[in-house]
């Protein structure tokens, strides 16, 4: 059985390059709250591609924005709320990839 931390990190790891989701999206997938996802990302998120998980406005805490913008540029994501709409993952594929990662842990 996996922990919520493991589930959140696996959900982020399951995102393909060029995809962006919100804390709420991750929370819905793993069955927790957006606030819990944010806490996990703040404490453990450096282990995964953290810049692919933002607020619903497509932002991150100010101290992360400079690094995030560099990653967003490398992946041609842009930024802001439109980034979430324009670069959302295929939800069925994302969930499948997440489930596969959970089986390995």
PDB file of N, CA and C in Angstrom:
ATOM      1  N   UNK A   1       0.851  -1.184   0.000  1.00  0.00           N
ATOM      2  CA  UNK A   1       0.000   0.000   0.000  1.00  0.00           C
ATOM      3  C   UNK A   1       0.895   1.246   0.000  1.00  0.00           C
ATOM      4  N   UNK A   2       0.550   2.205  -0.849  1.00  0.00           N
ATOM      5  CA  UNK A   2       1.370   3.408  -0.951  1.00  0.00           C
ATOM      6  C   UNK A   2       0.833   4.499  -0.042  1.00  0.00           C
ATOM      7  N   UNK A   3       1.692   5.432   0.304  1.00  0.00           N
ATOM      8  CA  UNK A   3       1.292   6.566   1.120  1.00  0.00           C
ATOM      9  C   UNK A   3       0.815   7.697   0.207  1.00  0.00           C
ATOM     10  N   UNK A   4       0.170   8.682   0.800  1.00  0.00           N
ATOM     11  CA  UNK A   4      -0.267   9.846   0.039  1.00  0.00           C
ATOM     12  C   UNK A   4       0.936  10.555  -0.575  1.00  0.00           C
ATOM     13  N   UNK A   5       2.027  10.645   0.158  1.00  0.00           N
ATOM     14  CA  UNK A   5       3.245  11.269  -0.379  1.00  0.00           C
ATOM     15  C   UNK A   5       3.701  10.518  -1.617  1.00  0.00           C
ATOM     16  N   UNK A   6       3.784   9.189  -1.519  1.00  0.00           N
ATOM     17  CA  UNK A   6       4.196   8.378  -2.671  1.00  0.00           C
ATOM     18  C   UNK A   6       3.245   8.559  -3.845  1.00  0.00           C
ATOM     19  N   UNK A   7       1.942   8.605  -3.550  1.00  0.00           N
ATOM     20  CA  UNK A   7       0.943   8.771  -4.611  1.00  0.00           C
ATOM     21  C   UNK A   7       1.083  10.115  -5.314  1.00  0.00           C
ATOM     22  N   UNK A   8       1.292  11.180  -4.559  1.00  0.00           N
ATOM     23  CA  UNK A   8       1.446  12.511  -5.153  1.00  0.00           C
ATOM     24  C   UNK A   8       2.707  12.559  -6.005  1.00  0.00           C
ATOM     25  N   UNK A   9       3.807  12.079  -5.478  1.00  0.00           N
ATOM     26  CA  UNK A   9       5.056  12.101  -6.236  1.00  0.00           C
ATOM     27  C   UNK A   9       4.968  11.234  -7.492  1.00  0.00           C
ATOM     28  N   UNK A  10       4.296  10.099  -7.391  1.00  0.00           N
ATOM     29  CA  UNK A  10       4.098   9.246  -8.573  1.00  0.00           C
ATOM     30  C   UNK A  10       3.216   9.939  -9.608  1.00  0.00           C
ATOM     31  N   UNK A  11       2.214  10.674  -9.152  1.00  0.00           N
ATOM     32  CA  UNK A  11       1.339  11.403 -10.081  1.00  0.00           C
ATOM     33  C   UNK A  11       2.131  12.443 -10.857  1.00  0.00           C
ATOM     34  N   UNK A  12       3.029  13.129 -10.187  1.00  0.00           N
ATOM     35  CA  UNK A  12       3.863  14.129 -10.861  1.00  0.00           C
ATOM     36  C   UNK A  12       4.849  13.432 -11.787  1.00  0.00           C
ATOM     37  N   UNK A  13       5.431  12.344 -11.333  1.00  0.00           N
ATOM     38  CA  UNK A  13       6.366  11.598 -12.163  1.00  0.00           C
ATOM     39  C   UNK A  13       5.678  11.051 -13.418  1.00  0.00           C
ATOM     40  N   UNK A  14       4.404  10.749 -13.322  1.00  0.00           N
ATOM     41  CA  UNK A  14       3.646  10.194 -14.451  1.00  0.00           C
ATOM     42  C   UNK A  14       3.301  11.230 -15.514  1.00  0.00           C
ATOM     43  N   UNK A  15       3.492  12.510 -15.203  1.00  0.00           N
ATOM     44  CA  UNK A  15       3.209  13.557 -16.190  1.00  0.00           C
ATOM     45  C   UNK A  15       4.280  13.552 -17.283  1.00  0.00           C
ATOM     46  N   UNK A  16       3.857  13.559 -18.539  1.00  0.00           N
ATOM     47  CA  UNK A  16       4.866  13.625 -19.599  1.00  0.00           C
ATOM     48  C   UNK A  16       5.441  15.036 -19.722  1.00  0.00           C
ATOM     49  N   UNK A  17       6.626  15.131 -20.297  1.00  0.00           N
ATOM     50  CA  UNK A  17       7.201  16.451 -20.578  1.00  0.00           C
ATOM     51  C   UNK A  17       6.202  17.235 -21.418  1.00  0.00           C
ATOM     52  N   UNK A  18       6.076  18.508 -21.098  1.00  0.00           N
ATOM     53  CA  UNK A  18       5.156  19.366 -21.826  1.00  0.00           C
ATOM     54  C   UNK A  18       3.743  19.390 -21.274  1.00  0.00           C
ATOM     55  N   UNK A  19       3.500  18.684 -20.172  1.00  0.00           N
ATOM     56  CA  UNK A  19       2.179  18.675 -19.544  1.00  0.00           C
ATOM     57  C   UNK A  19       2.232  19.433 -18.230  1.00  0.00           C
ATOM     58  N   UNK A  20       1.128  20.106 -17.911  1.00  0.00           N
ATOM     59  CA  UNK A  20       1.023  20.869 -16.665  1.00  0.00           C
ATOM     60  C   UNK A  20      -0.348  20.603 -16.060  1.00  0.00           C
ATOM     61  N   UNK A  21      -0.373  20.441 -14.733  1.00  0.00           N
ATOM     62  CA  UNK A  21      -1.622  20.264 -14.002  1.00  0.00           C
ATOM     63  C   UNK A  21      -1.598  21.152 -12.763  1.00  0.00           C
ATOM     64  N   UNK A  22      -2.747  21.286 -12.144  1.00  0.00           N
ATOM     65  CA  UNK A  22      -2.840  22.070 -10.913  1.00  0.00           C
ATOM     66  C   UNK A  22      -2.764  21.142  -9.699  1.00  0.00           C
ATOM     67  N   UNK A  23      -2.542  21.759  -8.547  1.00  0.00           N
ATOM     68  CA  UNK A  23      -2.588  21.001  -7.297  1.00  0.00           C
ATOM     69  C   UNK A  23      -3.924  20.279  -7.172  1.00  0.00           C
ATOM     70  N   UNK A  24      -5.001  20.941  -7.617  1.00  0.00           N
ATOM     71  CA  UNK A  24      -6.345  20.344  -7.563  1.00  0.00           C
ATOM     72  C   UNK A  24      -6.440  19.100  -8.436  1.00  0.00           C
ATOM     73  N   UNK A  25      -5.826  19.154  -9.618  1.00  0.00           N
ATOM     74  CA  UNK A  25      -5.844  17.988 -10.511  1.00  0.00           C
ATOM     75  C   UNK A  25      -5.158  16.791  -9.864  1.00  0.00           C
ATOM     76  N   UNK A  26      -4.006  17.036  -9.264  1.00  0.00           N
ATOM     77  CA  UNK A  26      -3.274  15.957  -8.595  1.00  0.00           C
ATOM     78  C   UNK A  26      -4.108  15.432  -7.422  1.00  0.00           C
ATOM     79  N   UNK A  27      -4.697  16.344  -6.671  1.00  0.00           N
ATOM     80  CA  UNK A  27      -5.514  15.948  -5.514  1.00  0.00           C
ATOM     81  C   UNK A  27      -6.673  15.059  -5.940  1.00  0.00           C
ATOM     82  N   UNK A  28      -7.329  15.408  -7.029  1.00  0.00           N
ATOM     83  CA  UNK A  28      -8.449  14.606  -7.508  1.00  0.00           C
ATOM     84  C   UNK A  28      -7.981  13.214  -7.925  1.00  0.00           C
ATOM     85  N   UNK A  29      -6.848  13.142  -8.596  1.00  0.00           N
ATOM     86  CA  UNK A  29      -6.326  11.850  -9.033  1.00  0.00           C
ATOM     87  C   UNK A  29      -5.999  10.944  -7.857  1.00  0.00           C
ATOM     88  N   UNK A  30      -5.312  11.479  -6.846  1.00  0.00           N
ATOM     89  CA  UNK A  30      -4.824  10.624  -5.759  1.00  0.00           C
ATOM     90  C   UNK A  30      -5.784  10.524  -4.580  1.00  0.00           C
ATOM     91  N   UNK A  31      -6.836  11.353  -4.563  1.00  0.00           N
ATOM     92  CA  UNK A  31      -7.819  11.264  -3.490  1.00  0.00           C
ATOM     93  C   UNK A  31      -7.421  11.989  -2.222  1.00  0.00           C
ATOM     94  N   UNK A  32      -6.923  13.202  -2.375  1.00  0.00           N
ATOM     95  CA  UNK A  32      -6.569  14.022  -1.224  1.00  0.00           C
ATOM     96  C   UNK A  32      -6.981  15.462  -1.507  1.00  0.00           C
ATOM     97  N   UNK A  33      -6.506  16.394  -0.715  1.00  0.00           N
ATOM     98  CA  UNK A  33      -6.860  17.802  -0.913  1.00  0.00           C
ATOM     99  C   UNK A  33      -5.750  18.556  -1.641  1.00  0.00           C
ATOM    100  N   UNK A  34      -6.099  19.621  -2.349  1.00  0.00           N
ATOM    101  CA  UNK A  34      -5.073  20.440  -2.995  1.00  0.00           C
ATOM    102  C   UNK A  34      -4.053  20.989  -1.999  1.00  0.00           C
ATOM    103  N   UNK A  35      -4.513  21.347  -0.820  1.00  0.00           N
ATOM    104  CA  UNK A  35      -3.596  21.864   0.200  1.00  0.00           C
ATOM    105  C   UNK A  35      -2.569  20.799   0.592  1.00  0.00           C
ATOM    106  N   UNK A  36      -3.013  19.554   0.710  1.00  0.00           N
ATOM    107  CA  UNK A  36      -2.097  18.456   1.048  1.00  0.00           C
ATOM    108  C   UNK A  36      -1.083  18.248  -0.080  1.00  0.00           C
ATOM    109  N   UNK A  37      -1.556  18.333  -1.330  1.00  0.00           N
ATOM    110  CA  UNK A  37      -0.640  18.213  -2.468  1.00  0.00           C
ATOM    111  C   UNK A  37       0.416  19.316  -2.395  1.00  0.00           C
ATOM    112  N   UNK A  38      -0.015  20.548  -2.116  1.00  0.00           N
ATOM    113  CA  UNK A  38       0.920  21.665  -2.000  1.00  0.00           C
ATOM    114  C   UNK A  38       1.949  21.444  -0.916  1.00  0.00           C
ATOM    115  N   UNK A  39       1.505  20.929   0.215  1.00  0.00           N
ATOM    116  CA  UNK A  39       2.420  20.644   1.323  1.00  0.00           C
ATOM    117  C   UNK A  39       3.433  19.571   0.924  1.00  0.00           C
ATOM    118  N   UNK A  40       2.954  18.528   0.281  1.00  0.00           N
ATOM    119  CA  UNK A  40       3.849  17.454  -0.153  1.00  0.00           C
ATOM    120  C   UNK A  40       4.851  17.986  -1.170  1.00  0.00           C
ATOM    121  N   UNK A  41       4.365  18.794  -2.107  1.00  0.00           N
ATOM    122  CA  UNK A  41       5.268  19.343  -3.118  1.00  0.00           C
ATOM    123  C   UNK A  41       6.311  20.260  -2.480  1.00  0.00           C
ATOM    124  N   UNK A  42       5.908  21.022  -1.482  1.00  0.00           N
ATOM    125  CA  UNK A  42       6.856  21.923  -0.815  1.00  0.00           C
ATOM    126  C   UNK A  42       7.939  21.142  -0.078  1.00  0.00           C
ATOM    127  N   UNK A  43       7.566  20.006   0.502  1.00  0.00           N
ATOM    128  CA  UNK A  43       8.512  19.225   1.307  1.00  0.00           C
ATOM    129  C   UNK A  43       9.296  18.194   0.502  1.00  0.00           C
ATOM    130  N   UNK A  44       8.648  17.585  -0.494  1.00  0.00           N
ATOM    131  CA  UNK A  44       9.243  16.450  -1.206  1.00  0.00           C
ATOM    132  C   UNK A  44       9.338  16.661  -2.712  1.00  0.00           C
ATOM    133  N   UNK A  45       8.810  17.742  -3.221  1.00  0.00           N
ATOM    134  CA  UNK A  45       8.669  17.941  -4.652  1.00  0.00           C
ATOM    135  C   UNK A  45       9.950  18.063  -5.437  1.00  0.00           C
ATOM    136  N   UNK A  46      11.049  18.351  -4.779  1.00  0.00           N
ATOM    137  CA  UNK A  46      12.319  18.467  -5.491  1.00  0.00           C
ATOM    138  C   UNK A  46      12.735  17.143  -6.115  1.00  0.00           C
ATOM    139  N   UNK A  47      12.102  16.059  -5.696  1.00  0.00           N
ATOM    140  CA  UNK A  47      12.423  14.735  -6.233  1.00  0.00           C
ATOM    141  C   UNK A  47      11.812  14.494  -7.609  1.00  0.00           C
ATOM    142  N   UNK A  48      10.860  15.333  -8.022  1.00  0.00           N
ATOM    143  CA  UNK A  48      10.140  15.152  -9.281  1.00  0.00           C
ATOM    144  C   UNK A  48      10.157  16.463 -10.068  1.00  0.00           C
ATOM    145  N   UNK A  49       9.543  16.462 -11.229  1.00  0.00           N
ATOM    146  CA  UNK A  49       9.473  17.664 -12.067  1.00  0.00           C
ATOM    147  C   UNK A  49       8.394  18.606 -11.528  1.00  0.00           C
ATOM    148  N   UNK A  50       8.711  19.277 -10.441  1.00  0.00           N
ATOM    149  CA  UNK A  50       7.788  20.097  -9.655  1.00  0.00           C
ATOM    150  C   UNK A  50       7.158  21.237 -10.443  1.00  0.00           C
ATOM    151  N   UNK A  51       7.816  21.746 -11.461  1.00  0.00           N
ATOM    152  CA  UNK A  51       7.310  22.889 -12.228  1.00  0.00           C
ATOM    153  C   UNK A  51       6.088  22.521 -13.066  1.00  0.00           C
ATOM    154  N   UNK A  52       5.766  21.244 -13.136  1.00  0.00           N
ATOM    155  CA  UNK A  52       4.594  20.796 -13.887  1.00  0.00           C
ATOM    156  C   UNK A  52       3.327  20.787 -13.052  1.00  0.00           C
ATOM    157  N   UNK A  53       3.419  21.220 -11.800  1.00  0.00           N
ATOM    158  CA  UNK A  53       2.247  21.302 -10.913  1.00  0.00           C
ATOM    159  C   UNK A  53       2.172  22.720 -10.371  1.00  0.00           C
ATOM    160  N   UNK A  54       1.084  23.422 -10.687  1.00  0.00           N
ATOM    161  CA  UNK A  54       0.943  24.828 -10.326  1.00  0.00           C
ATOM    162  C   UNK A  54      -0.382  25.070  -9.618  1.00  0.00           C
ATOM    163  N   UNK A  55      -0.590  26.309  -9.228  1.00  0.00           N
ATOM    164  CA  UNK A  55      -1.908  26.713  -8.752  1.00  0.00           C
ATOM    165  C   UNK A  55      -2.862  26.720  -9.946  1.00  0.00           C
ATOM    166  N   UNK A  56      -4.148  26.892  -9.709  1.00  0.00           N
ATOM    167  CA  UNK A  56      -5.108  26.962 -10.809  1.00  0.00           C
ATOM    168  C   UNK A  56      -4.889  28.204 -11.671  1.00  0.00           C
ATOM    169  N   UNK A  57      -4.126  29.150 -11.188  1.00  0.00           N
ATOM    170  CA  UNK A  57      -3.777  30.349 -11.965  1.00  0.00           C
ATOM    171  C   UNK A  57      -2.483  30.160 -12.756  1.00  0.00           C
ATOM    172  N   UNK A  58      -1.887  28.987 -12.661  1.00  0.00           N
ATOM    173  CA  UNK A  58      -0.661  28.713 -13.400  1.00  0.00           C
ATOM    174  C   UNK A  58       0.563  29.377 -12.802  1.00  0.00           C
ATOM    175  N   UNK A  59       0.567  29.524 -11.496  1.00  0.00           N
ATOM    176  CA  UNK A  59       1.705  30.137 -10.813  1.00  0.00           C
ATOM    177  C   UNK A  59       2.229  29.192  -9.736  1.00  0.00           C
ATOM    178  N   UNK A  60       3.347  29.584  -9.183  1.00  0.00           N
ATOM    179  CA  UNK A  60       3.968  28.879  -8.063  1.00  0.00           C
ATOM    180  C   UNK A  60       4.405  29.915  -7.047  1.00  0.00           C
ATOM    181  N   UNK A  61       4.816  29.496  -5.855  1.00  0.00           N
ATOM    182  CA  UNK A  61       5.342  30.465  -4.894  1.00  0.00           C
ATOM    183  C   UNK A  61       6.445  31.308  -5.538  1.00  0.00           C
ATOM    184  N   UNK A  62       6.495  32.568  -5.194  1.00  0.00           N
ATOM    185  CA  UNK A  62       7.405  33.523  -5.829  1.00  0.00           C
ATOM    186  C   UNK A  62       8.855  33.048  -5.840  1.00  0.00           C
ATOM    187  N   UNK A  63       9.307  32.410  -4.771  1.00  0.00           N
ATOM    188  CA  UNK A  63      10.702  31.975  -4.724  1.00  0.00           C
ATOM    189  C   UNK A  63      11.020  30.863  -5.734  1.00  0.00           C
ATOM    190  N   UNK A  64      10.000  30.250  -6.336  1.00  0.00           N
ATOM    191  CA  UNK A  64      10.214  29.196  -7.330  1.00  0.00           C
ATOM    192  C   UNK A  64      10.023  29.670  -8.767  1.00  0.00           C
ATOM    193  N   UNK A  65       9.432  30.859  -8.930  1.00  0.00           N
ATOM    194  CA  UNK A  65       9.014  31.289 -10.266  1.00  0.00           C
ATOM    195  C   UNK A  65      10.169  31.429 -11.254  1.00  0.00           C
ATOM    196  N   UNK A  66      11.302  31.948 -10.859  1.00  0.00           N
ATOM    197  CA  UNK A  66      12.414  32.118 -11.805  1.00  0.00           C
ATOM    198  C   UNK A  66      12.861  30.765 -12.362  1.00  0.00           C
ATOM    199  N   UNK A  67      13.032  29.783 -11.485  1.00  0.00           N
ATOM    200  CA  UNK A  67      13.425  28.448 -11.943  1.00  0.00           C
ATOM    201  C   UNK A  67      12.309  27.803 -12.769  1.00  0.00           C
ATOM    202  N   UNK A  68      11.071  27.982 -12.323  1.00  0.00           N
ATOM    203  CA  UNK A  68       9.940  27.410 -13.053  1.00  0.00           C
ATOM    204  C   UNK A  68       9.865  27.978 -14.466  1.00  0.00           C
ATOM    205  N   UNK A  69      10.025  29.283 -14.597  1.00  0.00           N
ATOM    206  CA  UNK A  69       9.965  29.904 -15.925  1.00  0.00           C
ATOM    207  C   UNK A  69      11.023  29.325 -16.859  1.00  0.00           C
ATOM    208  N   UNK A  70      12.203  29.028 -16.346  1.00  0.00           N
ATOM    209  CA  UNK A  70      13.245  28.412 -17.176  1.00  0.00           C
ATOM    210  C   UNK A  70      12.791  27.042 -17.688  1.00  0.00           C
ATOM    211  N   UNK A  71      12.208  26.248 -16.807  1.00  0.00           N
ATOM    212  CA  UNK A  71      11.704  24.931 -17.208  1.00  0.00           C
ATOM    213  C   UNK A  71      10.555  25.079 -18.200  1.00  0.00           C
ATOM    214  N   UNK A  72       9.653  26.029 -17.935  1.00  0.00           N
ATOM    215  CA  UNK A  72       8.518  26.244 -18.835  1.00  0.00           C
ATOM    216  C   UNK A  72       8.999  26.650 -20.220  1.00  0.00           C
ATOM    217  N   UNK A  73      10.027  27.478 -20.280  1.00  0.00           N
ATOM    218  CA  UNK A  73      10.588  27.878 -21.575  1.00  0.00           C
ATOM    219  C   UNK A  73      11.197  26.673 -22.287  1.00  0.00           C
ATOM    220  N   UNK A  74      11.922  25.840 -21.563  1.00  0.00           N
ATOM    221  CA  UNK A  74      12.546  24.657 -22.161  1.00  0.00           C
ATOM    222  C   UNK A  74      11.497  23.713 -22.732  1.00  0.00           C
ATOM    223  N   UNK A  75      10.334  23.642 -22.082  1.00  0.00           N
ATOM    224  CA  UNK A  75       9.268  22.751 -22.537  1.00  0.00           C
ATOM    225  C   UNK A  75       8.232  23.486 -23.382  1.00  0.00           C
ATOM    226  N   UNK A  76       8.491  24.759 -23.694  1.00  0.00           N
ATOM    227  CA  UNK A  76       7.603  25.581 -24.518  1.00  0.00           C
ATOM    228  C   UNK A  76       6.173  25.617 -23.955  1.00  0.00           C
ATOM    229  N   UNK A  77       6.081  25.875 -22.656  1.00  0.00           N
ATOM    230  CA  UNK A  77       4.791  25.875 -21.975  1.00  0.00           C
ATOM    231  C   UNK A  77       4.159  27.250 -21.820  1.00  0.00           C
ATOM    232  N   UNK A  78       4.960  28.281 -21.851  1.00  0.00           N
ATOM    233  CA  UNK A  78       4.415  29.619 -21.619  1.00  0.00           C
ATOM    234  C   UNK A  78       4.315  29.881 -20.135  1.00  0.00           C
ATOM    235  N   UNK A  79       3.128  30.060 -19.648  1.00  0.00           N
ATOM    236  CA  UNK A  79       2.882  30.322 -18.237  1.00  0.00           C
ATOM    237  C   UNK A  79       1.451  30.776 -18.042  1.00  0.00           C
ATOM    238  N   UNK A  80       1.049  30.918 -16.807  1.00  0.00           N
ATOM    239  CA  UNK A  80      -0.288  31.392 -16.482  1.00  0.00           C
ATOM    240  C   UNK A  80      -1.361  30.333 -16.651  1.00  0.00           C
ATOM    241  N   UNK A  81      -2.605  30.758 -16.447  1.00  0.00           N
ATOM    242  CA  UNK A  81      -3.743  29.844 -16.471  1.00  0.00           C
ATOM    243  C   UNK A  81      -3.925  29.173 -17.832  1.00  0.00           C
ATOM    244  N   UNK A  82      -3.598  29.871 -18.915  1.00  0.00           N
ATOM    245  CA  UNK A  82      -3.745  29.252 -20.235  1.00  0.00           C
ATOM    246  C   UNK A  82      -2.805  28.068 -20.398  1.00  0.00           C
ATOM    247  N   UNK A  83      -1.688  28.093 -19.693  1.00  0.00           N
ATOM    248  CA  UNK A  83      -0.746  26.984 -19.742  1.00  0.00           C
ATOM    249  C   UNK A  83      -1.434  25.691 -19.296  1.00  0.00           C
ATOM    250  N   UNK A  84      -2.253  25.783 -18.260  1.00  0.00           N
ATOM    251  CA  UNK A  84      -2.949  24.600 -17.759  1.00  0.00           C
ATOM    252  C   UNK A  84      -3.926  24.058 -18.799  1.00  0.00           C
ATOM    253  N   UNK A  85      -4.610  24.949 -19.466  1.00  0.00           N
ATOM    254  CA  UNK A  85      -5.581  24.525 -20.479  1.00  0.00           C
ATOM    255  C   UNK A  85      -4.872  23.980 -21.719  1.00  0.00           C
ATOM    256  N   UNK A  86      -3.841  24.700 -22.159  1.00  0.00           N
ATOM    257  CA  UNK A  86      -3.176  24.351 -23.407  1.00  0.00           C
ATOM    258  C   UNK A  86      -2.233  23.155 -23.295  1.00  0.00           C
ATOM    259  N   UNK A  87      -1.821  22.822 -22.088  1.00  0.00           N
ATOM    260  CA  UNK A  87      -0.833  21.750 -21.907  1.00  0.00           C
ATOM    261  C   UNK A  87      -1.296  20.702 -20.895  1.00  0.00           C
ATOM    262  N   UNK A  88      -2.601  20.498 -20.839  1.00  0.00           N
ATOM    263  CA  UNK A  88      -3.149  19.467 -19.951  1.00  0.00           C
ATOM    264  C   UNK A  88      -2.805  18.087 -20.518  1.00  0.00           C
ATOM    265  N   UNK A  89      -2.504  17.141 -19.661  1.00  0.00           N
ATOM    266  CA  UNK A  89      -2.217  15.792 -20.155  1.00  0.00           C
ATOM    267  C   UNK A  89      -3.496  15.084 -20.569  1.00  0.00           C
ATOM    268  N   UNK A  90      -3.355  14.035 -21.314  1.00  0.00           N
ATOM    269  CA  UNK A  90      -4.480  13.135 -21.567  1.00  0.00           C
ATOM    270  C   UNK A  90      -4.771  12.467 -20.220  1.00  0.00           C
ATOM    271  N   UNK A  91      -5.950  12.689 -19.685  1.00  0.00           N
ATOM    272  CA  UNK A  91      -6.241  12.237 -18.321  1.00  0.00           C
ATOM    273  C   UNK A  91      -6.239  10.721 -18.175  1.00  0.00           C
ATOM    274  N   UNK A  92      -6.719  10.016 -19.182  1.00  0.00           N
ATOM    275  CA  UNK A  92      -6.729   8.552 -19.114  1.00  0.00           C
ATOM    276  C   UNK A  92      -5.296   8.025 -19.122  1.00  0.00           C
ATOM    277  N   UNK A  93      -4.464   8.578 -20.000  1.00  0.00           N
ATOM    278  CA  UNK A  93      -3.066   8.157 -20.060  1.00  0.00           C
ATOM    279  C   UNK A  93      -2.324   8.507 -18.777  1.00  0.00           C
ATOM    280  N   UNK A  94      -2.580   9.707 -18.246  1.00  0.00           N
ATOM    281  CA  UNK A  94      -1.932  10.120 -17.007  1.00  0.00           C
ATOM    282  C   UNK A  94      -2.278   9.165 -15.868  1.00  0.00           C
ATOM    283  N   UNK A  95      -3.577   8.856 -15.726  1.00  0.00           N
ATOM    284  CA  UNK A  95      -3.978   7.942 -14.655  1.00  0.00           C
ATOM    285  C   UNK A  95      -3.366   6.558 -14.852  1.00  0.00           C
ATOM    286  N   UNK A  96      -3.340   6.083 -16.087  1.00  0.00           N
ATOM    287  CA  UNK A  96      -2.736   4.776 -16.366  1.00  0.00           C
ATOM    288  C   UNK A  96      -1.258   4.769 -15.966  1.00  0.00           C
ATOM    289  N   UNK A  97      -0.527   5.804 -16.382  1.00  0.00           N
ATOM    290  CA  UNK A  97       0.900   5.894 -16.036  1.00  0.00           C
ATOM    291  C   UNK A  97       1.090   5.965 -14.523  1.00  0.00           C
ATOM    292  N   UNK A  98       0.225   6.715 -13.855  1.00  0.00           N
ATOM    293  CA  UNK A  98       0.295   6.822 -12.396  1.00  0.00           C
ATOM    294  C   UNK A  98       0.072   5.457 -11.745  1.00  0.00           C
ATOM    295  N   UNK A  99      -0.951   4.743 -12.212  1.00  0.00           N
ATOM    296  CA  UNK A  99      -1.244   3.415 -11.642  1.00  0.00           C
ATOM    297  C   UNK A  99      -0.068   2.468 -11.846  1.00  0.00           C
ATOM    298  N   UNK A 100       0.582   2.542 -13.002  1.00  0.00           N
ATOM    299  CA  UNK A 100       1.749   1.702 -13.265  1.00  0.00           C
ATOM    300  C   UNK A 100       2.883   2.004 -12.296  1.00  0.00           C
ATOM    301  N   UNK A 101       3.105   3.296 -12.030  1.00  0.00           N
ATOM    302  CA  UNK A 101       4.156   3.681 -11.072  1.00  0.00           C
ATOM    303  C   UNK A 101       3.808   3.241  -9.658  1.00  0.00           C
ATOM    304  N   UNK A 102       2.545   3.284  -9.309  1.00  0.00           N
ATOM    305  CA  UNK A 102       2.132   2.858  -7.965  1.00  0.00           C
ATOM    306  C   UNK A 102       2.367   1.385  -7.757  1.00  0.00           C
ATOM    307  N   UNK A 103       2.221   0.588  -8.779  1.00  0.00           N
ATOM    308  CA  UNK A 103       2.408  -0.866  -8.680  1.00  0.00           C
ATOM    309  C   UNK A 103       3.867  -1.181  -8.337  1.00  0.00           C
ATOM    310  N   UNK A 104       4.784  -0.352  -8.849  1.00  0.00           N
ATOM    311  CA  UNK A 104       6.216  -0.586  -8.605  1.00  0.00           C
ATOM    312  C   UNK A 104       6.653  -0.222  -7.203  1.00  0.00           C
ATOM    313  N   UNK A 105       5.879   0.620  -6.485  1.00  0.00           N
ATOM    314  CA  UNK A 105       6.318   1.042  -5.151  1.00  0.00           C
ATOM    315  C   UNK A 105       5.807   0.128  -4.069  1.00  0.00           C
TER     316      UNK A 105
END
